[in-house]
Structures are given as C-alpha cells and as structure tokens.
Amino acid sequence: MRGGAGRAPTRAGGRGRRQARRLALNGAGLLVALFAAFPVYWMITTSLKPSGEIFASTPRPLPAEPTLAHYRQILTGNLIPGVTFADFFLNSVLVAVTTVLLSGLVALLAATAVARFRFKLRTSFLIMLLVVQMIPLEALVIPLFLMIQRLGLYNTLPSLILTYLGFSLPFAIWMLRGFVAAVPRELEEAAAIDGASRAQIFRRILFPLVAPGLVATSIFSFIIAWNELIFALTFINRQDRYTLPVAMTFFFGRDDTAWGPVMAASTLFTLPVIVFFLLVQRRMVAGLVAGAVKG
C-alpha cells in the first residue's frame, strides 16, 4: 500500500512534465509560425495602405483607410510601354509550369533507371548529382550565357526553361531515387507474371507509389523557376518576355521606391505559390514523411 501510494505522485509528476514539455514545444512552434508569417502580413497590409500611411512616421498595424489603388496601378497601368503586368505573369507561369512538368518526367525516368538497373559508372553518376549541387549558380552565368547564345536561344523563354531544368534535376533525381528504391520489386514481378508490360507496370504500379515524392520534388522545381532573377535578367533582353522577378525591379528607382505598388505586386507574385502549396499539401506531407522513413 505504501509503495503504491509512492508511485502515484511519481506518475502524476511525469505526466505534468510531459504536458509542460508539450506546451513549451507548441508555444515555440507558434512563435516560429508568427515570425515567419509577419512579413507576409506586413506585405499585404502595406499593399492596402495609401501612400501617406506607408511613409507615416508612426507605422500602423492595419490600414486606417484601405485602398486598392496600388493594385489598380499595377494591373491597369503599364510598367513598360506596351507591356502589362499580366504579360509578365503569363511568362512566369509558362516557364514555371513547363519546368515542373519536364523535370518531373525526366527525373522520374532517371531515378527509375538508377534505382532499378545496374550499369557502368552508376555510382559516379550518383556522386556527380551531389557535386553539381555544390557549385555556386553565380559561377555558371557566363558559361551558360555563351552556350545559350550559340544555341540561338538568347531572348527566348526556352533558354530559361532549359536552365532551370538543369538546376532542378540533380535534386529531383536524387530524391526520387529513394522513393523508387522503396517500392518492392515483388510488386513489379507479380504484375509481369500477370502479363503486364513494362509500360503498364510503370504507369499502374510504380507511378502511383512514387507520386508523393514527385509532388515534393515538383515544389522545389516550381520555386526555382518562379523566383529566379539573375539568369532571367541575363538571358532575356526583350521587355515583353521578362518574367515577374525581373518586372519587380522596375518599381525600384535610383532616388525613390514605389513601396505601395511593390507590396501589391509582391502579394500577387506570392499568390500562385500559396495556391500551388494548398493544392499539393497533402501529397507533399506524405512524400516528405515517406522519404524520411524509407529513403
């Protein structure tokens, strides 16, 4: 009896410590989330403030007189004569979507080959995938510019698509390799015994099982193609083919900066990324968890 009475407070104390630890972790997570969300909140509220409020000596957390004037300015006015914000937006969408589709297809095929077949220099190829990611992208600007010129792709959107494809493939192949390797070979062998062709095995068995990993890698490819500035500014000299990151630079002048339009354009610039994340959120989490457990 005396021993049982002594163990009860111990269990209660252990439960209390676990609850305190859980509360501390939740509180820390909340602080990190607020810290990460504050710039987005400030960007949106600033885009809704009149110019007078933006430059006021006492900043306000919320606009006193909300206005959509900055959004109308960038959507109806021309940043460059003859070119609208929608043109820049469509260029970015075309480059990003094409990059995601091509990188997903090529990476999945390459990862399948690396994970399922044994061939000469296979290990060297895998090592090169890691080495390539260590090279600073800025060191490749001049060599890639000369290559793009010789290929006749200067001032074209395919020059950006090919460049971003090269940047995203090493990471995508390396990550998808783990997902393909985690699929049991017995499933493919059973389907082959039942008469399925290689194409049917790939489409009906392998592809559905590695789809979460494909979503996770596509997010990486999308962010690269959507946010990149240096190569877009170097390879494109025609104003009607600029992407959104290049268009954003026109709001920054030598003497002043139009912060209202900058924040409005940044909000519109961020929306596609948020929508893309919301659409693939479930598969992205499943892919990251599966990669962490099985990779």
C-alpha atoms as a PDB file:
ATOM      1  CA  MET A   1       0.000   0.000   0.000  1.00  0.00           C
ATOM      2  CA  ARG A   2       2.727   2.383   0.958  1.00  0.00           C
ATOM      3  CA  GLY A   3       4.677   1.571  -2.241  1.00  0.00           C
ATOM      4  CA  GLY A   4       1.599   2.101  -4.436  1.00  0.00           C
ATOM      5  CA  ALA A   5       0.920   5.461  -2.838  1.00  0.00           C
ATOM      6  CA  GLY A   6       4.509   6.482  -3.559  1.00  0.00           C
ATOM      7  CA  ARG A   7       4.271   5.583  -7.239  1.00  0.00           C
ATOM      8  CA  ALA A   8       1.081   7.597  -7.864  1.00  0.00           C
ATOM      9  CA  PRO A   9       2.683  11.033  -7.297  1.00  0.00           C
ATOM     10  CA  THR A  10       5.588   9.926  -9.475  1.00  0.00           C
ATOM     11  CA  ARG A  11       3.279   9.093 -12.379  1.00  0.00           C
ATOM     12  CA  ALA A  12       1.402  12.351 -11.869  1.00  0.00           C
ATOM     13  CA  GLY A  13       4.681  14.274 -11.855  1.00  0.00           C
ATOM     14  CA  GLY A  14       5.827  12.564 -15.042  1.00  0.00           C
ATOM     15  CA  ARG A  15       2.523  13.387 -16.742  1.00  0.00           C
ATOM     16  CA  GLY A  16       2.840  17.003 -15.654  1.00  0.00           C
ATOM     17  CA  ARG A  17       6.351  17.244 -17.078  1.00  0.00           C
ATOM     18  CA  ARG A  18       5.180  15.799 -20.403  1.00  0.00           C
ATOM     19  CA  GLN A  19       2.339  18.311 -20.586  1.00  0.00           C
ATOM     20  CA  ALA A  20       4.701  21.168 -19.754  1.00  0.00           C
ATOM     21  CA  ARG A  21       7.129  19.996 -22.426  1.00  0.00           C
ATOM     22  CA  ARG A  22       4.299  19.743 -24.947  1.00  0.00           C
ATOM     23  CA  LEU A  23       3.077  23.241 -24.093  1.00  0.00           C
ATOM     24  CA  ALA A  24       6.615  24.604 -24.432  1.00  0.00           C
ATOM     25  CA  LEU A  25       7.046  22.969 -27.847  1.00  0.00           C
ATOM     26  CA  ASN A  26       3.653  24.230 -29.028  1.00  0.00           C
ATOM     27  CA  GLY A  27       4.483  27.706 -27.811  1.00  0.00           C
ATOM     28  CA  ALA A  28       7.840  27.661 -29.574  1.00  0.00           C
ATOM     29  CA  GLY A  29       6.171  26.423 -32.769  1.00  0.00           C
ATOM     30  CA  LEU A  30       3.596  29.209 -32.535  1.00  0.00           C
ATOM     31  CA  LEU A  31       6.328  31.825 -32.126  1.00  0.00           C
ATOM     32  CA  VAL A  32       8.196  30.474 -35.155  1.00  0.00           C
ATOM     33  CA  ALA A  33       4.968  30.496 -37.200  1.00  0.00           C
ATOM     34  CA  LEU A  34       4.218  34.094 -36.194  1.00  0.00           C
ATOM     35  CA  PHE A  35       7.779  35.126 -37.015  1.00  0.00           C
ATOM     36  CA  ALA A  36       7.507  33.532 -40.460  1.00  0.00           C
ATOM     37  CA  ALA A  37       4.024  34.918 -41.159  1.00  0.00           C
ATOM     38  CA  PHE A  38       4.699  38.507 -40.056  1.00  0.00           C
ATOM     39  CA  PRO A  39       6.469  39.614 -43.297  1.00  0.00           C
ATOM     40  CA  VAL A  40       3.539  38.260 -45.330  1.00  0.00           C
ATOM     41  CA  TYR A  41       1.065  40.060 -43.066  1.00  0.00           C
ATOM     42  CA  TRP A  42       3.020  43.327 -43.335  1.00  0.00           C
ATOM     43  CA  MET A  43       3.284  42.969 -47.117  1.00  0.00           C
ATOM     44  CA  ILE A  44      -0.483  42.540 -47.517  1.00  0.00           C
ATOM     45  CA  THR A  45      -1.428  45.359 -45.130  1.00  0.00           C
ATOM     46  CA  THR A  46       1.087  47.725 -46.715  1.00  0.00           C
ATOM     47  CA  SER A  47      -0.330  46.998 -50.168  1.00  0.00           C
ATOM     48  CA  LEU A  48      -3.719  48.195 -48.886  1.00  0.00           C
ATOM     49  CA  LYS A  49      -2.429  51.444 -47.343  1.00  0.00           C
ATOM     50  CA  PRO A  50      -2.471  54.822 -49.108  1.00  0.00           C
ATOM     51  CA  SER A  51       0.957  56.285 -49.838  1.00  0.00           C
ATOM     52  CA  GLY A  52       0.582  58.749 -46.983  1.00  0.00           C
ATOM     53  CA  GLU A  53       0.157  55.960 -44.439  1.00  0.00           C
ATOM     54  CA  ILE A  54       3.068  53.937 -45.840  1.00  0.00           C
ATOM     55  CA  PHE A  55       5.506  56.788 -45.270  1.00  0.00           C
ATOM     56  CA  ALA A  56       3.982  57.952 -41.967  1.00  0.00           C
ATOM     57  CA  SER A  57       6.436  58.365 -39.081  1.00  0.00           C
ATOM     58  CA  THR A  58       4.233  56.173 -36.860  1.00  0.00           C
ATOM     59  CA  PRO A  59       3.537  52.827 -38.536  1.00  0.00           C
ATOM     60  CA  ARG A  60       0.058  51.349 -38.200  1.00  0.00           C
ATOM     61  CA  PRO A  61      -0.534  47.589 -37.930  1.00  0.00           C
ATOM     62  CA  LEU A  62      -3.691  47.926 -40.045  1.00  0.00           C
ATOM     63  CA  PRO A  63      -4.566  50.463 -42.752  1.00  0.00           C
ATOM     64  CA  ALA A  64      -6.805  53.257 -41.456  1.00  0.00           C
ATOM     65  CA  GLU A  65      -8.241  53.834 -44.946  1.00  0.00           C
ATOM     66  CA  PRO A  66      -7.812  50.639 -47.009  1.00  0.00           C
ATOM     67  CA  THR A  67      -7.436  51.170 -50.741  1.00  0.00           C
ATOM     68  CA  LEU A  68      -6.906  49.059 -53.853  1.00  0.00           C
ATOM     69  CA  ALA A  69      -5.236  51.903 -55.720  1.00  0.00           C
ATOM     70  CA  HIS A  70      -1.862  50.152 -55.797  1.00  0.00           C
ATOM     71  CA  TYR A  71      -3.408  47.016 -57.286  1.00  0.00           C
ATOM     72  CA  ARG A  72      -5.230  49.055 -59.922  1.00  0.00           C
ATOM     73  CA  GLN A  73      -1.982  50.849 -60.711  1.00  0.00           C
ATOM     74  CA  ILE A  74      -0.051  47.679 -61.488  1.00  0.00           C
ATOM     75  CA  LEU A  75      -2.931  45.819 -63.188  1.00  0.00           C
ATOM     76  CA  THR A  76      -4.218  48.623 -65.408  1.00  0.00           C
ATOM     77  CA  GLY A  77      -1.071  50.683 -65.876  1.00  0.00           C
ATOM     78  CA  ASN A  78       1.948  49.687 -67.945  1.00  0.00           C
ATOM     79  CA  LEU A  79       5.241  49.151 -66.169  1.00  0.00           C
ATOM     80  CA  ILE A  80       6.816  49.300 -69.624  1.00  0.00           C
ATOM     81  CA  PRO A  81       5.078  50.916 -72.613  1.00  0.00           C
ATOM     82  CA  GLY A  82       3.083  48.225 -74.397  1.00  0.00           C
ATOM     83  CA  VAL A  83       3.652  45.528 -71.754  1.00  0.00           C
ATOM     84  CA  THR A  84       1.260  44.841 -68.861  1.00  0.00           C
ATOM     85  CA  PHE A  85       1.675  43.049 -65.561  1.00  0.00           C
ATOM     86  CA  ALA A  86      -0.383  40.178 -66.986  1.00  0.00           C
ATOM     87  CA  ASP A  87       2.242  39.631 -69.696  1.00  0.00           C
ATOM     88  CA  PHE A  88       4.983  39.198 -67.088  1.00  0.00           C
ATOM     89  CA  PHE A  89       2.705  36.920 -65.076  1.00  0.00           C
ATOM     90  CA  LEU A  90       1.949  34.673 -68.064  1.00  0.00           C
ATOM     91  CA  ASN A  91       5.653  34.439 -68.922  1.00  0.00           C
ATOM     92  CA  SER A  92       6.436  33.287 -65.391  1.00  0.00           C
ATOM     93  CA  VAL A  93       3.575  30.769 -65.400  1.00  0.00           C
ATOM     94  CA  LEU A  94       4.698  29.328 -68.736  1.00  0.00           C
ATOM     95  CA  VAL A  95       8.307  28.963 -67.589  1.00  0.00           C
ATOM     96  CA  ALA A  96       7.435  27.534 -64.160  1.00  0.00           C
ATOM     97  CA  VAL A  97       4.795  25.034 -65.327  1.00  0.00           C
ATOM     98  CA  THR A  98       6.933  23.771 -68.214  1.00  0.00           C
ATOM     99  CA  THR A  99       9.933  23.383 -65.909  1.00  0.00           C
ATOM    100  CA  VAL A 100       7.889  21.424 -63.356  1.00  0.00           C
ATOM    101  CA  LEU A 101       6.438  19.059 -65.967  1.00  0.00           C
ATOM    102  CA  LEU A 102       9.735  18.388 -67.735  1.00  0.00           C
ATOM    103  CA  SER A 103      11.753  17.999 -64.544  1.00  0.00           C
ATOM    104  CA  GLY A 104       9.184  15.612 -63.083  1.00  0.00           C
ATOM    105  CA  LEU A 105       9.157  13.431 -66.203  1.00  0.00           C
ATOM    106  CA  VAL A 106      12.934  13.347 -66.717  1.00  0.00           C
ATOM    107  CA  ALA A 107      13.705  12.920 -63.002  1.00  0.00           C
ATOM    108  CA  LEU A 108      11.245  10.048 -62.614  1.00  0.00           C
ATOM    109  CA  LEU A 109      12.671   8.173 -65.601  1.00  0.00           C
ATOM    110  CA  ALA A 110      16.258   8.804 -64.497  1.00  0.00           C
ATOM    111  CA  ALA A 111      15.518   7.811 -60.888  1.00  0.00           C
ATOM    112  CA  THR A 112      13.875   4.596 -62.075  1.00  0.00           C
ATOM    113  CA  ALA A 113      16.918   3.743 -64.176  1.00  0.00           C
ATOM    114  CA  VAL A 114      19.336   4.461 -61.319  1.00  0.00           C
ATOM    115  CA  ALA A 115      17.306   2.559 -58.718  1.00  0.00           C
ATOM    116  CA  ARG A 116      16.311  -0.457 -60.783  1.00  0.00           C
ATOM    117  CA  PHE A 117      19.254  -1.121 -63.128  1.00  0.00           C
ATOM    118  CA  ARG A 118      22.960  -1.694 -62.617  1.00  0.00           C
ATOM    119  CA  PHE A 119      25.151  -0.081 -65.259  1.00  0.00           C
ATOM    120  CA  LYS A 120      28.689   1.170 -65.655  1.00  0.00           C
ATOM    121  CA  LEU A 121      29.552   4.458 -63.854  1.00  0.00           C
ATOM    122  CA  ARG A 122      26.271   4.322 -61.929  1.00  0.00           C
ATOM    123  CA  THR A 123      27.977   5.231 -58.645  1.00  0.00           C
ATOM    124  CA  SER A 124      29.921   8.024 -60.331  1.00  0.00           C
ATOM    125  CA  PHE A 125      26.671   9.408 -61.713  1.00  0.00           C
ATOM    126  CA  LEU A 126      25.114   9.488 -58.243  1.00  0.00           C
ATOM    127  CA  ILE A 127      28.168  11.235 -56.814  1.00  0.00           C
ATOM    128  CA  MET A 128      28.060  13.808 -59.594  1.00  0.00           C
ATOM    129  CA  LEU A 129      24.459  14.609 -58.686  1.00  0.00           C
ATOM    130  CA  LEU A 130      25.710  15.711 -55.271  1.00  0.00           C
ATOM    131  CA  VAL A 131      28.789  17.523 -56.572  1.00  0.00           C
ATOM    132  CA  VAL A 132      26.791  19.559 -59.085  1.00  0.00           C
ATOM    133  CA  GLN A 133      24.623  20.991 -56.299  1.00  0.00           C
ATOM    134  CA  MET A 134      27.715  22.372 -54.551  1.00  0.00           C
ATOM    135  CA  ILE A 135      28.623  24.669 -57.468  1.00  0.00           C
ATOM    136  CA  PRO A 136      27.501  28.307 -56.896  1.00  0.00           C
ATOM    137  CA  LEU A 137      24.942  29.267 -59.508  1.00  0.00           C
ATOM    138  CA  GLU A 138      26.577  32.672 -60.000  1.00  0.00           C
ATOM    139  CA  ALA A 139      29.698  30.923 -61.330  1.00  0.00           C
ATOM    140  CA  LEU A 140      27.627  29.489 -64.195  1.00  0.00           C
ATOM    141  CA  VAL A 141      26.145  32.736 -65.513  1.00  0.00           C
ATOM    142  CA  ILE A 142      28.827  33.490 -68.137  1.00  0.00           C
ATOM    143  CA  PRO A 143      29.337  29.886 -69.383  1.00  0.00           C
ATOM    144  CA  LEU A 144      25.593  29.348 -69.694  1.00  0.00           C
ATOM    145  CA  PHE A 145      25.140  32.719 -71.388  1.00  0.00           C
ATOM    146  CA  LEU A 146      27.705  31.798 -74.054  1.00  0.00           C
ATOM    147  CA  MET A 147      26.071  28.398 -74.526  1.00  0.00           C
ATOM    148  CA  ILE A 148      22.600  29.944 -74.853  1.00  0.00           C
ATOM    149  CA  GLN A 149      23.901  32.368 -77.478  1.00  0.00           C
ATOM    150  CA  ARG A 150      25.495  29.589 -79.527  1.00  0.00           C
ATOM    151  CA  LEU A 151      22.279  27.575 -79.405  1.00  0.00           C
ATOM    152  CA  GLY A 152      20.325  30.562 -80.733  1.00  0.00           C
ATOM    153  CA  LEU A 153      18.089  30.697 -77.649  1.00  0.00           C
ATOM    154  CA  TYR A 154      19.013  34.189 -76.445  1.00  0.00           C
ATOM    155  CA  ASN A 155      15.930  36.328 -75.707  1.00  0.00           C
ATOM    156  CA  THR A 156      13.660  33.279 -75.606  1.00  0.00           C
ATOM    157  CA  LEU A 157      11.759  31.664 -72.753  1.00  0.00           C
ATOM    158  CA  PRO A 158      13.104  28.164 -73.617  1.00  0.00           C
ATOM    159  CA  SER A 159      16.536  29.411 -72.528  1.00  0.00           C
ATOM    160  CA  LEU A 160      15.159  29.875 -69.019  1.00  0.00           C
ATOM    161  CA  ILE A 161      13.290  26.568 -69.091  1.00  0.00           C
ATOM    162  CA  LEU A 162      16.431  24.627 -70.032  1.00  0.00           C
ATOM    163  CA  THR A 163      18.487  26.446 -67.393  1.00  0.00           C
ATOM    164  CA  TYR A 164      16.007  25.872 -64.577  1.00  0.00           C
ATOM    165  CA  LEU A 165      15.599  22.272 -65.693  1.00  0.00           C
ATOM    166  CA  GLY A 166      19.326  21.734 -65.254  1.00  0.00           C
ATOM    167  CA  PHE A 167      19.237  23.287 -61.784  1.00  0.00           C
ATOM    168  CA  SER A 168      16.298  21.213 -60.516  1.00  0.00           C
ATOM    169  CA  LEU A 169      17.134  17.796 -61.976  1.00  0.00           C
ATOM    170  CA  PRO A 170      20.026  16.761 -59.657  1.00  0.00           C
ATOM    171  CA  PHE A 171      17.961  17.238 -56.509  1.00  0.00           C
ATOM    172  CA  ALA A 172      14.843  15.713 -58.080  1.00  0.00           C
ATOM    173  CA  ILE A 173      16.676  12.600 -59.331  1.00  0.00           C
ATOM    174  CA  TRP A 174      18.443  12.043 -56.020  1.00  0.00           C
ATOM    175  CA  MET A 175      15.232  12.399 -54.017  1.00  0.00           C
ATOM    176  CA  LEU A 176      13.057  10.274 -56.326  1.00  0.00           C
ATOM    177  CA  ARG A 177      15.683   7.540 -56.349  1.00  0.00           C
ATOM    178  CA  GLY A 178      14.837   6.806 -52.716  1.00  0.00           C
ATOM    179  CA  PHE A 179      11.120   6.560 -53.474  1.00  0.00           C
ATOM    180  CA  VAL A 180      11.646   4.209 -56.422  1.00  0.00           C
ATOM    181  CA  ALA A 181      14.054   2.033 -54.426  1.00  0.00           C
ATOM    182  CA  ALA A 182      11.472   1.766 -51.621  1.00  0.00           C
ATOM    183  CA  VAL A 183       8.901   0.158 -53.958  1.00  0.00           C
ATOM    184  CA  PRO A 184       9.217  -3.657 -53.546  1.00  0.00           C
ATOM    185  CA  ARG A 185      10.397  -5.406 -56.676  1.00  0.00           C
ATOM    186  CA  GLU A 186       7.918  -8.194 -55.921  1.00  0.00           C
ATOM    187  CA  LEU A 187       5.038  -5.924 -56.949  1.00  0.00           C
ATOM    188  CA  GLU A 188       6.558  -5.382 -60.376  1.00  0.00           C
ATOM    189  CA  GLU A 189       7.423  -9.070 -60.741  1.00  0.00           C
ATOM    190  CA  ALA A 190       3.874 -10.097 -59.825  1.00  0.00           C
ATOM    191  CA  ALA A 191       2.458  -7.690 -62.404  1.00  0.00           C
ATOM    192  CA  ALA A 192       4.870  -9.036 -65.027  1.00  0.00           C
ATOM    193  CA  ILE A 193       3.737 -12.592 -64.269  1.00  0.00           C
ATOM    194  CA  ASP A 194       0.135 -11.472 -64.776  1.00  0.00           C
ATOM    195  CA  GLY A 195       1.091 -10.278 -68.263  1.00  0.00           C
ATOM    196  CA  ALA A 196       1.621  -6.549 -67.684  1.00  0.00           C
ATOM    197  CA  SER A 197       4.107  -4.821 -69.964  1.00  0.00           C
ATOM    198  CA  ARG A 198       6.914  -2.566 -68.702  1.00  0.00           C
ATOM    199  CA  ALA A 199       4.869   0.499 -69.629  1.00  0.00           C
ATOM    200  CA  GLN A 200       1.829  -0.803 -67.725  1.00  0.00           C
ATOM    201  CA  ILE A 201       3.967  -1.635 -64.679  1.00  0.00           C
ATOM    202  CA  PHE A 202       5.426   1.853 -64.719  1.00  0.00           C
ATOM    203  CA  ARG A 203       2.044   3.553 -65.172  1.00  0.00           C
ATOM    204  CA  ARG A 204      -0.155   1.467 -62.866  1.00  0.00           C
ATOM    205  CA  ILE A 205       2.218   0.370 -60.096  1.00  0.00           C
ATOM    206  CA  LEU A 206       5.370   2.450 -59.897  1.00  0.00           C
ATOM    207  CA  PHE A 207       3.954   5.872 -60.717  1.00  0.00           C
ATOM    208  CA  PRO A 208       1.118   5.869 -58.104  1.00  0.00           C
ATOM    209  CA  LEU A 209       3.535   4.758 -55.367  1.00  0.00           C
ATOM    210  CA  VAL A 210       6.150   7.442 -56.090  1.00  0.00           C
ATOM    211  CA  ALA A 211       3.600  10.211 -56.793  1.00  0.00           C
ATOM    212  CA  PRO A 212       4.031  11.820 -53.308  1.00  0.00           C
ATOM    213  CA  GLY A 213       7.769  12.095 -53.892  1.00  0.00           C
ATOM    214  CA  LEU A 214       7.121  13.530 -57.341  1.00  0.00           C
ATOM    215  CA  VAL A 215       4.945  16.232 -55.773  1.00  0.00           C
ATOM    216  CA  ALA A 216       7.639  17.096 -53.218  1.00  0.00           C
ATOM    217  CA  THR A 217      10.284  17.473 -55.930  1.00  0.00           C
ATOM    218  CA  SER A 218       7.930  19.467 -58.169  1.00  0.00           C
ATOM    219  CA  ILE A 219       7.609  22.088 -55.434  1.00  0.00           C
ATOM    220  CA  PHE A 220      11.372  22.532 -55.450  1.00  0.00           C
ATOM    221  CA  SER A 221      11.373  22.912 -59.253  1.00  0.00           C
ATOM    222  CA  PHE A 222       8.463  25.363 -59.138  1.00  0.00           C
ATOM    223  CA  ILE A 223      10.129  27.612 -56.569  1.00  0.00           C
ATOM    224  CA  ILE A 224      13.364  27.719 -58.585  1.00  0.00           C
ATOM    225  CA  ALA A 225      11.574  28.664 -61.814  1.00  0.00           C
ATOM    226  CA  TRP A 226       9.188  31.116 -60.160  1.00  0.00           C
ATOM    227  CA  ASN A 227      11.652  33.112 -58.040  1.00  0.00           C
ATOM    228  CA  GLU A 228      14.872  33.144 -60.083  1.00  0.00           C
ATOM    229  CA  LEU A 229      16.158  36.582 -61.170  1.00  0.00           C
ATOM    230  CA  ILE A 230      19.828  36.557 -62.219  1.00  0.00           C
ATOM    231  CA  PHE A 231      19.548  34.230 -65.216  1.00  0.00           C
ATOM    232  CA  ALA A 232      16.209  35.710 -66.291  1.00  0.00           C
ATOM    233  CA  LEU A 233      17.798  39.154 -66.309  1.00  0.00           C
ATOM    234  CA  THR A 234      20.864  37.890 -68.199  1.00  0.00           C
ATOM    235  CA  PHE A 235      19.278  35.687 -70.852  1.00  0.00           C
ATOM    236  CA  ILE A 236      16.283  37.894 -71.691  1.00  0.00           C
ATOM    237  CA  ASN A 237      16.690  41.378 -73.132  1.00  0.00           C
ATOM    238  CA  ARG A 238      13.244  41.765 -74.699  1.00  0.00           C
ATOM    239  CA  GLN A 239      10.887  43.562 -72.355  1.00  0.00           C
ATOM    240  CA  ASP A 240       7.798  41.637 -73.481  1.00  0.00           C
ATOM    241  CA  ARG A 241       9.459  38.367 -72.407  1.00  0.00           C
ATOM    242  CA  TYR A 242      10.510  39.396 -68.919  1.00  0.00           C
ATOM    243  CA  THR A 243       9.321  37.240 -66.019  1.00  0.00           C
ATOM    244  CA  LEU A 244       7.815  38.588 -62.800  1.00  0.00           C
ATOM    245  CA  PRO A 245      11.073  38.763 -60.767  1.00  0.00           C
ATOM    246  CA  VAL A 246      12.581  40.978 -63.481  1.00  0.00           C
ATOM    247  CA  ALA A 247       9.424  43.100 -63.683  1.00  0.00           C
ATOM    248  CA  MET A 248       9.605  43.740 -59.940  1.00  0.00           C
ATOM    249  CA  THR A 249      12.897  45.598 -60.397  1.00  0.00           C
ATOM    250  CA  PHE A 250      11.113  48.375 -62.321  1.00  0.00           C
ATOM    251  CA  PHE A 251       9.485  49.584 -59.109  1.00  0.00           C
ATOM    252  CA  PHE A 252      12.873  50.447 -57.614  1.00  0.00           C
ATOM    253  CA  GLY A 253      14.255  53.775 -58.810  1.00  0.00           C
ATOM    254  CA  ARG A 254      17.556  55.491 -58.194  1.00  0.00           C
ATOM    255  CA  ASP A 255      16.054  58.134 -55.908  1.00  0.00           C
ATOM    256  CA  ASP A 256      12.893  56.535 -54.557  1.00  0.00           C
ATOM    257  CA  THR A 257      10.915  53.301 -54.413  1.00  0.00           C
ATOM    258  CA  ALA A 258       7.187  52.890 -55.018  1.00  0.00           C
ATOM    259  CA  TRP A 259       6.553  50.763 -51.947  1.00  0.00           C
ATOM    260  CA  GLY A 260       2.791  50.596 -52.428  1.00  0.00           C
ATOM    261  CA  PRO A 261       2.984  49.025 -55.915  1.00  0.00           C
ATOM    262  CA  VAL A 262       5.948  46.907 -54.768  1.00  0.00           C
ATOM    263  CA  MET A 263       3.888  45.357 -51.981  1.00  0.00           C
ATOM    264  CA  ALA A 264       0.833  44.921 -54.212  1.00  0.00           C
ATOM    265  CA  ALA A 265       2.911  43.237 -56.910  1.00  0.00           C
ATOM    266  CA  SER A 266       4.648  41.084 -54.290  1.00  0.00           C
ATOM    267  CA  THR A 267       1.263  39.942 -52.972  1.00  0.00           C
ATOM    268  CA  LEU A 268       0.120  38.936 -56.467  1.00  0.00           C
ATOM    269  CA  PHE A 269       3.534  37.364 -57.033  1.00  0.00           C
ATOM    270  CA  THR A 270       3.115  35.219 -53.898  1.00  0.00           C
ATOM    271  CA  LEU A 271      -0.452  34.049 -54.554  1.00  0.00           C
ATOM    272  CA  PRO A 272       0.398  31.353 -57.153  1.00  0.00           C
ATOM    273  CA  VAL A 273       2.950  29.827 -54.780  1.00  0.00           C
ATOM    274  CA  ILE A 274       0.379  29.702 -51.972  1.00  0.00           C
ATOM    275  CA  VAL A 275      -2.249  28.182 -54.280  1.00  0.00           C
ATOM    276  CA  PHE A 276       0.250  25.602 -55.517  1.00  0.00           C
ATOM    277  CA  PHE A 277       1.154  24.628 -51.945  1.00  0.00           C
ATOM    278  CA  LEU A 278      -2.511  24.313 -50.955  1.00  0.00           C
ATOM    279  CA  LEU A 279      -3.238  22.068 -53.938  1.00  0.00           C
ATOM    280  CA  VAL A 280      -0.379  19.655 -53.242  1.00  0.00           C
ATOM    281  CA  GLN A 281      -0.207  19.988 -49.453  1.00  0.00           C
ATOM    282  CA  ARG A 282      -1.457  16.503 -48.580  1.00  0.00           C
ATOM    283  CA  ARG A 283       0.717  14.689 -51.091  1.00  0.00           C
ATOM    284  CA  MET A 284       3.682  16.895 -50.190  1.00  0.00           C
ATOM    285  CA  VAL A 285       3.498  15.937 -46.498  1.00  0.00           C
ATOM    286  CA  ALA A 286       3.069  12.268 -47.412  1.00  0.00           C
ATOM    287  CA  GLY A 287       6.047  12.478 -49.741  1.00  0.00           C
ATOM    288  CA  LEU A 288       8.337  14.149 -47.226  1.00  0.00           C
ATOM    289  CA  VAL A 289       7.395  11.693 -44.475  1.00  0.00           C
ATOM    290  CA  ALA A 290       7.805   8.705 -46.789  1.00  0.00           C
ATOM    291  CA  GLY A 291      11.171   9.987 -47.927  1.00  0.00           C
ATOM    292  CA  ALA A 292      12.318  10.457 -44.341  1.00  0.00           C
ATOM    293  CA  VAL A 293      11.227   6.961 -43.312  1.00  0.00           C
ATOM    294  CA  LYS A 294      12.136   4.919 -46.376  1.00  0.00           C
ATOM    295  CA  GLY A 295      14.863   6.946 -48.036  1.00  0.00           C
END
